[in-house]
């Protein structure tokens, strides 16, 4: 996995309006918490963070007022388009301790079942793993070329680096090749001269009004 060093500064003004003003200048608000210490609000360069995340960095060494410490990127919040980060949660970590994080799953290859009329469907976009902070895999890339119609890729089939444990149920389905749904046949047209059958009425039915002739009697 990648590890990077970024500069950060303490953030005194917190809140929605303050964060919005920071983002307008290319500065990304963030918070650091964990290890029994009080939360710490900081800010860092948005572009540098985006580049680091794009290269798969899961831990970052932040230099705050000349002091450098290692942190885990716990959560990144994005805008309504899902493109631009608007806030980051960092967690203080000991590089010798194990952490639990979610790792993305990106399928590789075109399954043979697709050429047989099947459709590839992915059910898990990420799995939860446990490992050392410095050993977090960037993304899992299982090969699915061998999958035919009716076959599945389960969690137990995923290959992970040594020391990484997947916490999901081994039998959970990651992806599968399914067949197209059978077409639904249209109801047959009624034969000429036959009256359409009325649907059965369920529930309370109001008695029919008597005919006019009956009312006059």
N, C-alpha and C. Protein backbone atom coordinates (compact mmCIF):
# COMPACT_ATOMS: atom_id res chain seq x y z
N UNK A 1 0.84 -1.18 0.00
CA UNK A 1 0.00 0.00 0.00
C UNK A 1 0.87 1.23 0.00
N UNK A 2 0.28 2.36 -0.34
CA UNK A 2 1.01 3.61 -0.41
C UNK A 2 0.94 4.34 0.92
N UNK A 3 1.99 5.09 1.22
CA UNK A 3 2.01 5.94 2.40
C UNK A 3 2.57 7.28 1.99
N UNK A 4 1.95 8.36 2.45
CA UNK A 4 2.35 9.69 2.02
C UNK A 4 2.48 10.60 3.23
N UNK A 5 3.16 11.72 3.03
CA UNK A 5 3.30 12.74 4.05
C UNK A 5 2.64 14.03 3.55
N UNK A 6 1.75 14.57 4.36
CA UNK A 6 1.05 15.80 4.01
C UNK A 6 1.16 16.80 5.15
N UNK A 7 1.11 18.07 4.79
CA UNK A 7 1.12 19.13 5.80
C UNK A 7 -0.32 19.48 6.17
N UNK A 8 -0.54 19.68 7.45
CA UNK A 8 -1.86 20.07 7.94
C UNK A 8 -1.70 21.17 8.98
N UNK A 9 -2.77 21.90 9.17
CA UNK A 9 -2.77 22.99 10.15
C UNK A 9 -3.98 22.87 11.06
N UNK A 10 -3.84 23.32 12.31
CA UNK A 10 -5.00 23.31 13.21
C UNK A 10 -6.11 24.19 12.64
N UNK A 11 -7.34 23.77 12.86
CA UNK A 11 -8.50 24.52 12.36
C UNK A 11 -9.28 25.03 13.57
N UNK A 12 -9.34 26.35 13.67
CA UNK A 12 -10.00 26.96 14.82
C UNK A 12 -11.49 27.16 14.58
N UNK A 13 -11.87 27.58 13.37
CA UNK A 13 -13.28 27.80 13.07
C UNK A 13 -13.89 26.52 12.52
N UNK A 14 -14.87 26.02 13.24
CA UNK A 14 -15.55 24.81 12.81
C UNK A 14 -17.01 25.15 12.49
N UNK A 15 -17.70 24.22 11.87
CA UNK A 15 -19.08 24.47 11.50
C UNK A 15 -19.26 24.48 9.99
N UNK A 16 -20.51 24.47 9.55
CA UNK A 16 -20.82 24.38 8.12
C UNK A 16 -20.29 25.57 7.34
N UNK A 17 -20.54 26.78 7.82
CA UNK A 17 -20.12 27.97 7.08
C UNK A 17 -18.61 28.07 7.00
N UNK A 18 -17.94 27.75 8.11
CA UNK A 18 -16.48 27.80 8.09
C UNK A 18 -15.88 26.77 7.15
N UNK A 19 -16.46 25.56 7.14
CA UNK A 19 -15.96 24.52 6.25
C UNK A 19 -16.19 24.89 4.79
N UNK A 20 -17.33 25.51 4.51
CA UNK A 20 -17.63 25.90 3.13
C UNK A 20 -16.62 26.94 2.63
N UNK A 21 -16.26 27.88 3.47
CA UNK A 21 -15.29 28.90 3.07
C UNK A 21 -13.92 28.28 2.82
N UNK A 22 -13.56 27.27 3.62
CA UNK A 22 -12.28 26.60 3.41
C UNK A 22 -12.26 25.90 2.06
N UNK A 23 -13.34 25.19 1.75
CA UNK A 23 -13.38 24.44 0.49
C UNK A 23 -13.35 25.37 -0.72
N UNK A 24 -13.86 26.56 -0.58
CA UNK A 24 -13.84 27.52 -1.69
C UNK A 24 -12.42 27.95 -2.02
N UNK A 25 -11.51 27.80 -1.08
CA UNK A 25 -10.11 28.16 -1.31
C UNK A 25 -9.23 26.94 -1.54
N UNK A 26 -9.83 25.78 -1.73
CA UNK A 26 -9.05 24.57 -2.00
C UNK A 26 -8.50 23.91 -0.77
N UNK A 27 -9.06 24.24 0.38
CA UNK A 27 -8.61 23.66 1.65
C UNK A 27 -9.66 22.67 2.13
N UNK A 28 -9.22 21.51 2.58
CA UNK A 28 -10.11 20.43 2.98
C UNK A 28 -10.17 20.33 4.50
N UNK A 29 -11.36 20.50 5.10
CA UNK A 29 -11.48 20.33 6.56
C UNK A 29 -11.43 18.86 6.95
N UNK A 30 -10.90 18.59 8.13
CA UNK A 30 -10.78 17.22 8.61
C UNK A 30 -10.81 17.20 10.13
N UNK A 31 -11.02 16.02 10.68
CA UNK A 31 -10.99 15.84 12.12
C UNK A 31 -10.19 14.59 12.44
N UNK A 32 -9.44 14.64 13.54
CA UNK A 32 -8.62 13.51 13.99
C UNK A 32 -9.16 13.06 15.34
N UNK A 33 -9.35 11.75 15.50
CA UNK A 33 -9.84 11.24 16.78
C UNK A 33 -9.24 9.87 17.05
N UNK A 34 -9.55 9.32 18.22
CA UNK A 34 -9.08 7.98 18.54
C UNK A 34 -8.02 7.94 19.62
N UNK A 35 -7.77 6.73 20.12
CA UNK A 35 -6.76 6.45 21.16
C UNK A 35 -7.03 7.22 22.44
N UNK A 36 -8.30 7.49 22.72
CA UNK A 36 -8.65 8.12 23.98
C UNK A 36 -8.31 9.59 24.08
N UNK A 37 -7.86 10.19 23.00
CA UNK A 37 -7.53 11.61 23.01
C UNK A 37 -8.69 12.42 22.44
N UNK A 38 -8.79 13.70 22.83
CA UNK A 38 -9.90 14.52 22.33
C UNK A 38 -9.78 14.74 20.82
N UNK A 39 -10.91 14.91 20.12
CA UNK A 39 -10.87 15.17 18.68
C UNK A 39 -10.10 16.45 18.38
N UNK A 40 -9.45 16.44 17.23
CA UNK A 40 -8.63 17.59 16.81
C UNK A 40 -9.04 17.99 15.39
N UNK A 41 -9.47 19.24 15.23
CA UNK A 41 -9.89 19.74 13.92
C UNK A 41 -8.68 20.31 13.18
N UNK A 42 -8.49 19.84 11.94
CA UNK A 42 -7.36 20.31 11.14
C UNK A 42 -7.84 20.62 9.72
N UNK A 43 -6.93 21.15 8.92
CA UNK A 43 -7.23 21.42 7.51
C UNK A 43 -5.98 21.12 6.71
N UNK A 44 -6.18 20.67 5.46
CA UNK A 44 -5.06 20.32 4.60
C UNK A 44 -5.41 20.65 3.15
N UNK A 45 -4.40 20.58 2.30
CA UNK A 45 -4.59 20.91 0.90
C UNK A 45 -5.44 19.83 0.22
N UNK A 46 -6.54 20.27 -0.40
CA UNK A 46 -7.46 19.32 -1.03
C UNK A 46 -6.82 18.57 -2.19
N UNK A 47 -6.08 19.27 -3.03
CA UNK A 47 -5.47 18.63 -4.21
C UNK A 47 -4.48 17.56 -3.78
N UNK A 48 -3.64 17.85 -2.79
CA UNK A 48 -2.66 16.87 -2.34
C UNK A 48 -3.35 15.63 -1.78
N UNK A 49 -4.45 15.85 -1.06
CA UNK A 49 -5.17 14.71 -0.50
C UNK A 49 -5.79 13.86 -1.60
N UNK A 50 -6.39 14.51 -2.61
CA UNK A 50 -7.03 13.78 -3.71
C UNK A 50 -5.99 12.95 -4.46
N UNK A 51 -4.82 13.50 -4.69
CA UNK A 51 -3.76 12.76 -5.38
C UNK A 51 -3.35 11.53 -4.55
N UNK A 52 -3.20 11.72 -3.24
CA UNK A 52 -2.79 10.62 -2.37
C UNK A 52 -3.83 9.50 -2.37
N UNK A 53 -5.11 9.88 -2.24
CA UNK A 53 -6.18 8.88 -2.25
C UNK A 53 -6.24 8.17 -3.60
N UNK A 54 -6.01 8.92 -4.67
CA UNK A 54 -6.02 8.34 -6.00
C UNK A 54 -4.94 7.30 -6.20
N UNK A 55 -3.86 7.40 -5.45
CA UNK A 55 -2.77 6.43 -5.52
C UNK A 55 -2.93 5.31 -4.50
N UNK A 56 -4.08 5.27 -3.84
CA UNK A 56 -4.36 4.16 -2.93
C UNK A 56 -3.88 4.34 -1.51
N UNK A 57 -3.51 5.54 -1.10
CA UNK A 57 -3.03 5.75 0.26
C UNK A 57 -4.16 5.53 1.26
N UNK A 58 -3.92 4.71 2.27
CA UNK A 58 -4.90 4.47 3.33
C UNK A 58 -4.42 5.03 4.65
N UNK A 59 -3.11 5.18 4.79
CA UNK A 59 -2.55 5.85 5.97
C UNK A 59 -1.74 7.04 5.49
N UNK A 60 -1.74 8.09 6.29
CA UNK A 60 -1.01 9.31 5.92
C UNK A 60 -0.28 9.85 7.14
N UNK A 61 0.92 10.34 6.90
CA UNK A 61 1.68 11.01 7.95
C UNK A 61 1.40 12.50 7.83
N UNK A 62 0.68 13.05 8.80
CA UNK A 62 0.36 14.47 8.78
C UNK A 62 1.35 15.24 9.64
N UNK A 63 1.90 16.28 9.05
CA UNK A 63 2.82 17.17 9.77
C UNK A 63 2.01 18.35 10.27
N UNK A 64 1.79 18.40 11.58
CA UNK A 64 1.00 19.46 12.19
C UNK A 64 1.90 20.25 13.13
N UNK A 65 2.14 21.51 12.77
CA UNK A 65 3.02 22.39 13.56
C UNK A 65 4.39 21.75 13.81
N UNK A 66 4.92 21.11 12.78
CA UNK A 66 6.26 20.53 12.88
C UNK A 66 6.31 19.15 13.48
N UNK A 67 5.19 18.64 13.97
CA UNK A 67 5.15 17.30 14.56
C UNK A 67 4.44 16.36 13.60
N UNK A 68 5.12 15.27 13.23
CA UNK A 68 4.55 14.33 12.27
C UNK A 68 4.04 13.08 12.97
N UNK A 69 2.81 12.71 12.65
CA UNK A 69 2.20 11.51 13.23
C UNK A 69 1.48 10.75 12.13
N UNK A 70 1.29 9.45 12.37
CA UNK A 70 0.66 8.59 11.40
C UNK A 70 -0.83 8.46 11.69
N UNK A 71 -1.66 8.56 10.63
CA UNK A 71 -3.10 8.47 10.80
C UNK A 71 -3.70 7.57 9.72
N UNK A 72 -4.82 6.96 10.08
CA UNK A 72 -5.56 6.13 9.15
C UNK A 72 -6.73 6.95 8.59
N UNK A 73 -6.90 6.89 7.26
CA UNK A 73 -8.05 7.55 6.63
C UNK A 73 -9.28 6.68 6.90
N UNK A 74 -10.10 7.10 7.86
CA UNK A 74 -11.24 6.29 8.26
C UNK A 74 -12.44 6.49 7.34
N UNK A 75 -12.73 7.73 6.99
CA UNK A 75 -13.90 8.00 6.15
C UNK A 75 -13.69 9.30 5.38
N UNK A 76 -14.11 9.29 4.13
CA UNK A 76 -14.06 10.48 3.28
C UNK A 76 -15.49 10.80 2.84
N UNK A 77 -15.94 12.00 3.13
CA UNK A 77 -17.27 12.44 2.71
C UNK A 77 -17.14 13.23 1.42
N UNK A 78 -18.02 12.93 0.46
CA UNK A 78 -17.98 13.60 -0.84
C UNK A 78 -19.22 14.46 -1.05
N UNK A 79 -19.15 15.32 -2.07
CA UNK A 79 -20.28 16.18 -2.38
C UNK A 79 -21.42 15.35 -2.99
N UNK A 80 -22.53 16.03 -3.32
CA UNK A 80 -23.71 15.31 -3.81
C UNK A 80 -23.48 14.60 -5.13
N UNK A 81 -22.42 14.99 -5.85
CA UNK A 81 -22.08 14.31 -7.11
C UNK A 81 -21.15 13.12 -6.88
N UNK A 82 -20.65 13.01 -5.65
CA UNK A 82 -19.74 11.91 -5.33
C UNK A 82 -18.36 12.06 -5.93
N UNK A 83 -17.95 13.27 -6.24
CA UNK A 83 -16.67 13.48 -6.90
C UNK A 83 -15.67 14.23 -6.01
N UNK A 84 -16.10 15.31 -5.39
CA UNK A 84 -15.18 16.16 -4.65
C UNK A 84 -15.28 15.88 -3.15
N UNK A 85 -14.14 15.62 -2.47
CA UNK A 85 -14.20 15.39 -1.02
C UNK A 85 -14.53 16.69 -0.30
N UNK A 86 -15.36 16.59 0.73
CA UNK A 86 -15.74 17.78 1.50
C UNK A 86 -15.33 17.66 2.97
N UNK A 87 -14.98 16.45 3.41
CA UNK A 87 -14.54 16.29 4.80
C UNK A 87 -13.86 14.93 4.95
N UNK A 88 -12.88 14.88 5.85
CA UNK A 88 -12.13 13.63 6.07
C UNK A 88 -12.08 13.33 7.57
N UNK A 89 -12.26 12.06 7.91
CA UNK A 89 -12.08 11.59 9.29
C UNK A 89 -10.79 10.79 9.34
N UNK A 90 -9.85 11.23 10.18
CA UNK A 90 -8.61 10.50 10.42
C UNK A 90 -8.67 9.84 11.80
N UNK A 91 -8.03 8.69 11.92
CA UNK A 91 -7.96 8.00 13.20
C UNK A 91 -6.50 7.81 13.59
N UNK A 92 -6.20 8.11 14.83
CA UNK A 92 -4.84 7.88 15.33
C UNK A 92 -4.58 6.38 15.40
N UNK A 93 -3.44 5.95 14.91
CA UNK A 93 -3.15 4.51 14.89
C UNK A 93 -1.72 4.25 15.35
N UNK A 94 -1.55 3.07 15.88
CA UNK A 94 -0.23 2.52 16.17
C UNK A 94 0.07 1.55 15.04
N UNK A 95 1.15 1.77 14.34
CA UNK A 95 1.44 0.95 13.17
C UNK A 95 1.64 -0.52 13.49
N UNK A 96 1.76 -0.84 14.77
CA UNK A 96 1.94 -2.25 15.16
C UNK A 96 0.61 -2.90 15.57
N UNK A 97 -0.48 -2.14 15.55
CA UNK A 97 -1.77 -2.70 15.93
C UNK A 97 -2.61 -3.01 14.71
N UNK A 98 -3.57 -3.90 14.89
CA UNK A 98 -4.45 -4.26 13.78
C UNK A 98 -5.66 -3.33 13.75
N UNK A 99 -6.11 -3.06 12.55
CA UNK A 99 -7.28 -2.20 12.35
C UNK A 99 -8.28 -2.93 11.47
N UNK A 100 -9.53 -2.46 11.51
CA UNK A 100 -10.58 -3.01 10.66
C UNK A 100 -11.05 -1.93 9.70
N UNK A 101 -10.95 -2.20 8.42
CA UNK A 101 -11.35 -1.24 7.40
C UNK A 101 -12.04 -1.96 6.25
N UNK A 102 -12.72 -1.19 5.42
CA UNK A 102 -13.35 -1.76 4.24
C UNK A 102 -12.45 -1.54 3.03
N UNK A 103 -12.33 -2.58 2.22
CA UNK A 103 -11.49 -2.54 1.03
C UNK A 103 -12.36 -2.81 -0.19
N UNK A 104 -12.21 -1.99 -1.21
CA UNK A 104 -13.02 -2.13 -2.41
C UNK A 104 -12.70 -3.39 -3.20
N UNK A 105 -13.70 -3.87 -3.93
CA UNK A 105 -13.55 -5.05 -4.79
C UNK A 105 -13.86 -4.63 -6.23
N UNK A 106 -12.88 -4.76 -7.11
CA UNK A 106 -13.04 -4.43 -8.52
C UNK A 106 -12.80 -5.69 -9.35
N UNK A 107 -13.83 -6.13 -10.05
CA UNK A 107 -13.73 -7.35 -10.84
C UNK A 107 -12.87 -7.13 -12.08
N UNK A 108 -12.13 -8.14 -12.46
CA UNK A 108 -11.26 -8.06 -13.63
C UNK A 108 -11.61 -9.18 -14.62
N UNK A 109 -11.68 -8.82 -15.90
CA UNK A 109 -11.93 -9.79 -16.94
C UNK A 109 -13.39 -9.88 -17.33
N UNK A 110 -13.64 -10.46 -18.51
CA UNK A 110 -15.00 -10.69 -19.01
C UNK A 110 -15.32 -12.17 -18.83
N UNK A 111 -16.32 -12.51 -18.02
CA UNK A 111 -16.65 -13.92 -17.77
C UNK A 111 -17.06 -14.65 -19.05
N UNK A 112 -16.69 -15.92 -19.14
CA UNK A 112 -17.08 -16.73 -20.29
C UNK A 112 -18.60 -16.86 -20.37
N UNK A 113 -19.26 -16.77 -19.21
CA UNK A 113 -20.70 -16.88 -19.19
C UNK A 113 -21.42 -15.76 -19.93
N UNK A 114 -20.76 -14.62 -20.09
CA UNK A 114 -21.36 -13.51 -20.82
C UNK A 114 -21.53 -13.88 -22.29
N UNK A 115 -20.54 -14.60 -22.85
CA UNK A 115 -20.64 -15.03 -24.24
C UNK A 115 -21.69 -16.12 -24.43
N UNK A 116 -22.13 -16.71 -23.31
CA UNK A 116 -23.16 -17.74 -23.35
C UNK A 116 -24.55 -17.17 -23.02
N UNK A 117 -24.65 -15.85 -23.04
CA UNK A 117 -25.94 -15.22 -22.80
C UNK A 117 -26.20 -14.81 -21.37
N UNK A 118 -25.21 -14.94 -20.51
CA UNK A 118 -25.40 -14.56 -19.10
C UNK A 118 -25.09 -13.10 -18.84
N UNK A 119 -25.39 -12.67 -17.64
CA UNK A 119 -25.14 -11.30 -17.21
C UNK A 119 -24.31 -11.34 -15.93
N UNK A 120 -23.26 -10.53 -15.88
CA UNK A 120 -22.42 -10.44 -14.69
C UNK A 120 -23.04 -9.43 -13.72
N UNK A 121 -23.29 -9.87 -12.50
CA UNK A 121 -23.82 -8.99 -11.47
C UNK A 121 -22.90 -9.04 -10.25
N UNK A 122 -22.55 -7.83 -9.74
CA UNK A 122 -21.69 -7.74 -8.56
C UNK A 122 -22.55 -7.36 -7.36
N UNK A 123 -22.44 -8.14 -6.28
CA UNK A 123 -23.26 -7.94 -5.10
C UNK A 123 -22.50 -7.26 -3.97
N UNK A 124 -21.20 -7.42 -3.93
CA UNK A 124 -20.38 -6.79 -2.89
C UNK A 124 -19.36 -5.87 -3.56
N UNK A 125 -19.44 -4.57 -3.27
CA UNK A 125 -18.48 -3.62 -3.81
C UNK A 125 -17.27 -3.47 -2.90
N UNK A 126 -17.38 -3.96 -1.67
CA UNK A 126 -16.28 -3.86 -0.70
C UNK A 126 -16.44 -4.96 0.34
N UNK A 127 -15.33 -5.31 0.97
CA UNK A 127 -15.34 -6.27 2.07
C UNK A 127 -14.59 -5.67 3.25
N UNK A 128 -14.93 -6.13 4.44
CA UNK A 128 -14.25 -5.64 5.64
C UNK A 128 -13.07 -6.56 5.96
N UNK A 129 -11.92 -5.95 6.21
CA UNK A 129 -10.72 -6.75 6.50
C UNK A 129 -10.11 -6.29 7.82
N UNK A 130 -9.29 -7.17 8.37
CA UNK A 130 -8.52 -6.86 9.57
C UNK A 130 -7.06 -7.14 9.29
N UNK A 131 -6.22 -6.16 9.58
CA UNK A 131 -4.78 -6.32 9.33
C UNK A 131 -4.04 -5.17 9.99
N UNK A 132 -2.72 -5.19 9.90
CA UNK A 132 -1.91 -4.09 10.40
C UNK A 132 -2.20 -2.83 9.56
N UNK A 133 -2.09 -1.69 10.20
CA UNK A 133 -2.40 -0.43 9.51
C UNK A 133 -1.55 -0.24 8.26
N UNK A 134 -0.32 -0.69 8.30
CA UNK A 134 0.58 -0.51 7.16
C UNK A 134 0.42 -1.61 6.12
N UNK A 135 -0.48 -2.56 6.35
CA UNK A 135 -0.64 -3.67 5.42
C UNK A 135 -2.02 -3.68 4.76
N UNK A 136 -2.73 -2.57 4.83
CA UNK A 136 -4.07 -2.52 4.24
C UNK A 136 -3.96 -2.57 2.73
N UNK A 137 -4.58 -3.53 2.08
CA UNK A 137 -4.54 -3.58 0.61
C UNK A 137 -5.33 -2.42 0.02
N UNK A 138 -4.86 -1.92 -1.12
CA UNK A 138 -5.54 -0.79 -1.77
C UNK A 138 -6.92 -1.22 -2.25
N UNK A 139 -6.96 -2.23 -3.13
CA UNK A 139 -8.20 -2.75 -3.70
C UNK A 139 -7.99 -4.21 -4.07
N UNK A 140 -9.02 -5.01 -3.92
CA UNK A 140 -8.95 -6.41 -4.34
C UNK A 140 -9.43 -6.51 -5.78
N UNK A 141 -8.70 -7.28 -6.61
CA UNK A 141 -9.02 -7.40 -8.03
C UNK A 141 -9.19 -8.87 -8.43
N UNK A 142 -10.27 -9.50 -8.01
CA UNK A 142 -10.49 -10.90 -8.39
C UNK A 142 -10.75 -11.06 -9.89
N UNK A 143 -10.19 -12.14 -10.46
CA UNK A 143 -10.40 -12.45 -11.87
C UNK A 143 -11.69 -13.26 -12.02
N UNK A 144 -12.53 -12.86 -12.96
CA UNK A 144 -13.83 -13.54 -13.12
C UNK A 144 -14.00 -14.14 -14.52
N UNK A 145 -12.94 -14.24 -15.29
CA UNK A 145 -13.05 -14.76 -16.65
C UNK A 145 -13.55 -16.19 -16.71
N UNK A 146 -13.28 -16.97 -15.67
CA UNK A 146 -13.64 -18.39 -15.67
C UNK A 146 -15.10 -18.64 -15.33
N UNK A 147 -15.83 -17.63 -14.88
CA UNK A 147 -17.20 -17.84 -14.43
C UNK A 147 -18.14 -18.07 -15.61
N UNK A 148 -18.92 -19.15 -15.51
CA UNK A 148 -19.91 -19.45 -16.53
C UNK A 148 -21.30 -19.18 -15.96
N UNK A 149 -22.32 -19.35 -16.78
CA UNK A 149 -23.70 -19.10 -16.35
C UNK A 149 -24.04 -19.98 -15.15
N UNK A 150 -24.57 -19.36 -14.10
CA UNK A 150 -24.95 -20.10 -12.90
C UNK A 150 -23.86 -20.19 -11.86
N UNK A 151 -22.64 -19.78 -12.19
CA UNK A 151 -21.53 -19.85 -11.24
C UNK A 151 -21.38 -18.54 -10.48
N UNK A 152 -20.79 -18.63 -9.28
CA UNK A 152 -20.64 -17.45 -8.43
C UNK A 152 -19.20 -17.31 -7.95
N UNK A 153 -18.88 -16.08 -7.59
CA UNK A 153 -17.61 -15.78 -6.93
C UNK A 153 -17.95 -15.45 -5.49
N UNK A 154 -17.48 -16.25 -4.54
CA UNK A 154 -17.80 -16.05 -3.13
C UNK A 154 -16.64 -15.36 -2.42
N UNK A 155 -16.91 -14.91 -1.21
CA UNK A 155 -15.88 -14.24 -0.41
C UNK A 155 -14.70 -15.17 -0.21
N UNK A 156 -14.97 -16.46 -0.01
CA UNK A 156 -13.89 -17.43 0.22
C UNK A 156 -12.95 -17.56 -0.99
N UNK A 157 -13.40 -17.10 -2.16
CA UNK A 157 -12.57 -17.19 -3.36
C UNK A 157 -11.62 -16.01 -3.52
N UNK A 158 -11.79 -14.97 -2.70
CA UNK A 158 -10.95 -13.79 -2.82
C UNK A 158 -9.55 -14.08 -2.28
N UNK A 159 -8.56 -13.58 -3.00
CA UNK A 159 -7.16 -13.75 -2.60
C UNK A 159 -6.67 -12.45 -1.98
N UNK A 160 -6.15 -12.54 -0.76
CA UNK A 160 -5.67 -11.35 -0.05
C UNK A 160 -4.21 -11.56 0.35
N UNK A 161 -3.48 -10.47 0.58
CA UNK A 161 -2.08 -10.59 1.00
C UNK A 161 -1.96 -11.30 2.35
N UNK A 162 -0.79 -11.80 2.62
CA UNK A 162 -0.52 -12.48 3.90
C UNK A 162 -0.74 -11.51 5.06
N UNK A 163 -1.41 -11.99 6.08
CA UNK A 163 -1.67 -11.17 7.26
C UNK A 163 -2.98 -10.42 7.20
N UNK A 164 -3.68 -10.50 6.07
CA UNK A 164 -4.97 -9.83 5.91
C UNK A 164 -6.08 -10.86 6.07
N UNK A 165 -7.05 -10.56 6.91
CA UNK A 165 -8.17 -11.46 7.16
C UNK A 165 -9.47 -10.78 6.74
N UNK A 166 -10.26 -11.47 5.93
CA UNK A 166 -11.56 -10.94 5.53
C UNK A 166 -12.58 -11.34 6.58
N UNK A 167 -13.35 -10.37 7.07
CA UNK A 167 -14.30 -10.60 8.15
C UNK A 167 -15.70 -10.96 7.66
N UNK A 168 -15.97 -10.78 6.38
CA UNK A 168 -17.29 -11.15 5.86
C UNK A 168 -17.49 -12.66 5.91
N UNK A 169 -18.75 -13.08 5.84
CA UNK A 169 -19.07 -14.51 5.78
C UNK A 169 -18.44 -15.10 4.52
N UNK A 170 -17.67 -16.17 4.66
CA UNK A 170 -17.01 -16.78 3.49
C UNK A 170 -17.99 -17.19 2.39
N UNK A 171 -19.24 -17.44 2.77
CA UNK A 171 -20.23 -17.88 1.78
C UNK A 171 -20.96 -16.73 1.11
N UNK A 172 -20.70 -15.51 1.50
CA UNK A 172 -21.34 -14.36 0.86
C UNK A 172 -20.96 -14.30 -0.61
N UNK A 173 -21.90 -13.95 -1.45
CA UNK A 173 -21.66 -13.87 -2.89
C UNK A 173 -21.11 -12.50 -3.26
N UNK A 174 -19.97 -12.50 -3.91
CA UNK A 174 -19.37 -11.26 -4.40
C UNK A 174 -19.93 -10.91 -5.77
N UNK A 175 -19.98 -11.90 -6.65
CA UNK A 175 -20.50 -11.70 -8.01
C UNK A 175 -21.05 -13.02 -8.52
N UNK A 176 -21.90 -12.93 -9.53
CA UNK A 176 -22.50 -14.14 -10.11
C UNK A 176 -22.87 -13.89 -11.56
N UNK A 177 -22.97 -14.98 -12.31
CA UNK A 177 -23.43 -14.91 -13.70
C UNK A 177 -24.82 -15.50 -13.73
N UNK A 178 -25.79 -14.67 -14.02
CA UNK A 178 -27.17 -15.15 -14.06
C UNK A 178 -27.71 -15.07 -15.48
N UNK A 179 -28.78 -15.82 -15.71
CA UNK A 179 -29.42 -15.79 -17.03
C UNK A 179 -30.44 -14.68 -17.07
N UNK A 180 -30.81 -14.30 -18.28
CA UNK A 180 -31.84 -13.30 -18.46
C UNK A 180 -33.17 -13.85 -17.98
N UNK A 181 -34.01 -13.00 -17.43
CA UNK A 181 -35.32 -13.43 -16.96
C UNK A 181 -36.16 -13.89 -18.14
N UNK A 182 -36.95 -14.93 -17.92
CA UNK A 182 -37.82 -15.43 -18.97
C UNK A 182 -38.86 -14.38 -19.32
N UNK A 183 -39.16 -14.17 -20.61
CA UNK A 183 -40.17 -13.17 -20.98
C UNK A 183 -41.55 -13.56 -20.47
N UNK A 184 -42.29 -12.56 -20.04
CA UNK A 184 -43.64 -12.81 -19.54
C UNK A 184 -44.62 -12.80 -20.70
N UNK A 185 -45.39 -13.91 -20.85
CA UNK A 185 -46.32 -14.02 -21.95
C UNK A 185 -47.55 -13.14 -21.72
N UNK A 186 -48.01 -12.50 -22.79
CA UNK A 186 -49.21 -11.67 -22.70
C UNK A 186 -50.42 -12.57 -22.57
N UNK A 187 -51.46 -12.13 -21.84
CA UNK A 187 -52.66 -12.96 -21.69
C UNK A 187 -53.34 -13.17 -23.02
N UNK A 188 -53.88 -14.38 -23.22
CA UNK A 188 -54.53 -14.71 -24.48
C UNK A 188 -55.80 -13.89 -24.66
N UNK A 189 -56.07 -13.48 -25.89
CA UNK A 189 -57.26 -12.69 -26.18
C UNK A 189 -58.50 -13.56 -26.06
N UNK A 190 -59.60 -12.95 -25.61
CA UNK A 190 -60.86 -13.71 -25.46
C UNK A 190 -61.41 -14.10 -26.81
N UNK A 191 -62.00 -15.30 -26.88
CA UNK A 191 -62.55 -15.76 -28.14
C UNK A 191 -63.81 -14.97 -28.47
N UNK A 192 -64.09 -14.77 -29.76
CA UNK A 192 -65.29 -14.04 -30.15
C UNK A 192 -66.55 -14.70 -29.61
N UNK A 193 -67.47 -13.84 -29.10
CA UNK A 193 -68.73 -14.36 -28.60
C UNK A 193 -68.72 -14.74 -27.15
N UNK A 194 -67.57 -14.65 -26.51
CA UNK A 194 -67.49 -14.99 -25.09
C UNK A 194 -67.40 -13.72 -24.28
N UNK A 195 -68.03 -13.71 -23.13
CA UNK A 195 -68.02 -12.53 -22.28
C UNK A 195 -66.80 -12.60 -21.36
N UNK A 196 -66.17 -11.47 -21.15
CA UNK A 196 -65.01 -11.48 -20.25
C UNK A 196 -65.43 -11.80 -18.84
N UNK A 197 -64.64 -12.58 -18.14
CA UNK A 197 -64.95 -12.97 -16.77
C UNK A 197 -64.62 -11.83 -15.83
N UNK A 198 -65.59 -11.45 -14.99
CA UNK A 198 -65.39 -10.36 -14.06
C UNK A 198 -64.49 -10.82 -12.92
N UNK A 199 -63.68 -9.93 -12.41
CA UNK A 199 -62.80 -10.31 -11.30
C UNK A 199 -63.62 -10.57 -10.04
N UNK A 200 -63.12 -11.45 -9.21
CA UNK A 200 -63.79 -11.75 -7.95
C UNK A 200 -63.68 -10.56 -7.03
N UNK A 201 -64.77 -10.18 -6.38
CA UNK A 201 -64.78 -9.04 -5.47
C UNK A 201 -64.53 -9.54 -4.06
N UNK A 202 -63.52 -8.96 -3.43
CA UNK A 202 -63.14 -9.39 -2.09
C UNK A 202 -63.46 -8.28 -1.11
N UNK A 203 -64.09 -8.63 0.01
CA UNK A 203 -64.38 -7.63 1.02
C UNK A 203 -65.88 -7.38 1.12
N UNK A 204 -66.23 -6.29 1.82
CA UNK A 204 -67.64 -5.96 2.03
C UNK A 204 -68.23 -5.41 0.75
N UNK A 205 -69.37 -5.96 0.33
CA UNK A 205 -70.04 -5.54 -0.90
C UNK A 205 -71.39 -4.94 -0.55
N UNK A 206 -71.68 -3.74 -1.06
CA UNK A 206 -72.95 -3.09 -0.78
C UNK A 206 -74.04 -3.79 -1.57
N UNK A 207 -75.22 -4.07 -0.93
CA UNK A 207 -76.32 -4.73 -1.66
C UNK A 207 -76.73 -3.91 -2.86
N UNK A 208 -77.10 -4.62 -3.93
CA UNK A 208 -77.50 -3.94 -5.15
C UNK A 208 -78.79 -3.16 -4.91
N UNK A 209 -78.90 -1.97 -5.53
CA UNK A 209 -80.11 -1.17 -5.43
C UNK A 209 -81.24 -1.90 -6.16
N UNK A 210 -82.48 -1.92 -5.62
CA UNK A 210 -83.59 -2.58 -6.32
C UNK A 210 -83.95 -1.84 -7.58
N UNK A 211 -84.46 -2.56 -8.55
CA UNK A 211 -84.83 -1.94 -9.82
C UNK A 211 -85.97 -0.98 -9.60
N UNK A 212 -86.15 -0.03 -10.55
CA UNK A 212 -87.20 0.99 -10.42
C UNK A 212 -88.57 0.34 -10.29
N UNK A 213 -88.79 -0.75 -11.10
CA UNK A 213 -90.10 -1.38 -11.03
C UNK A 213 -90.36 -1.95 -9.64
N UNK A 214 -89.35 -2.48 -8.99
CA UNK A 214 -89.52 -3.06 -7.68
C UNK A 214 -89.82 -1.98 -6.66
N UNK A 215 -89.20 -0.78 -6.85
CA UNK A 215 -89.43 0.30 -5.90
C UNK A 215 -90.87 0.78 -5.93
N UNK A 216 -91.53 0.73 -7.14
CA UNK A 216 -92.88 1.25 -7.27
C UNK A 216 -93.91 0.31 -6.68
N UNK A 217 -93.55 -0.97 -6.47
CA UNK A 217 -94.51 -1.92 -5.94
C UNK A 217 -94.79 -1.65 -4.46
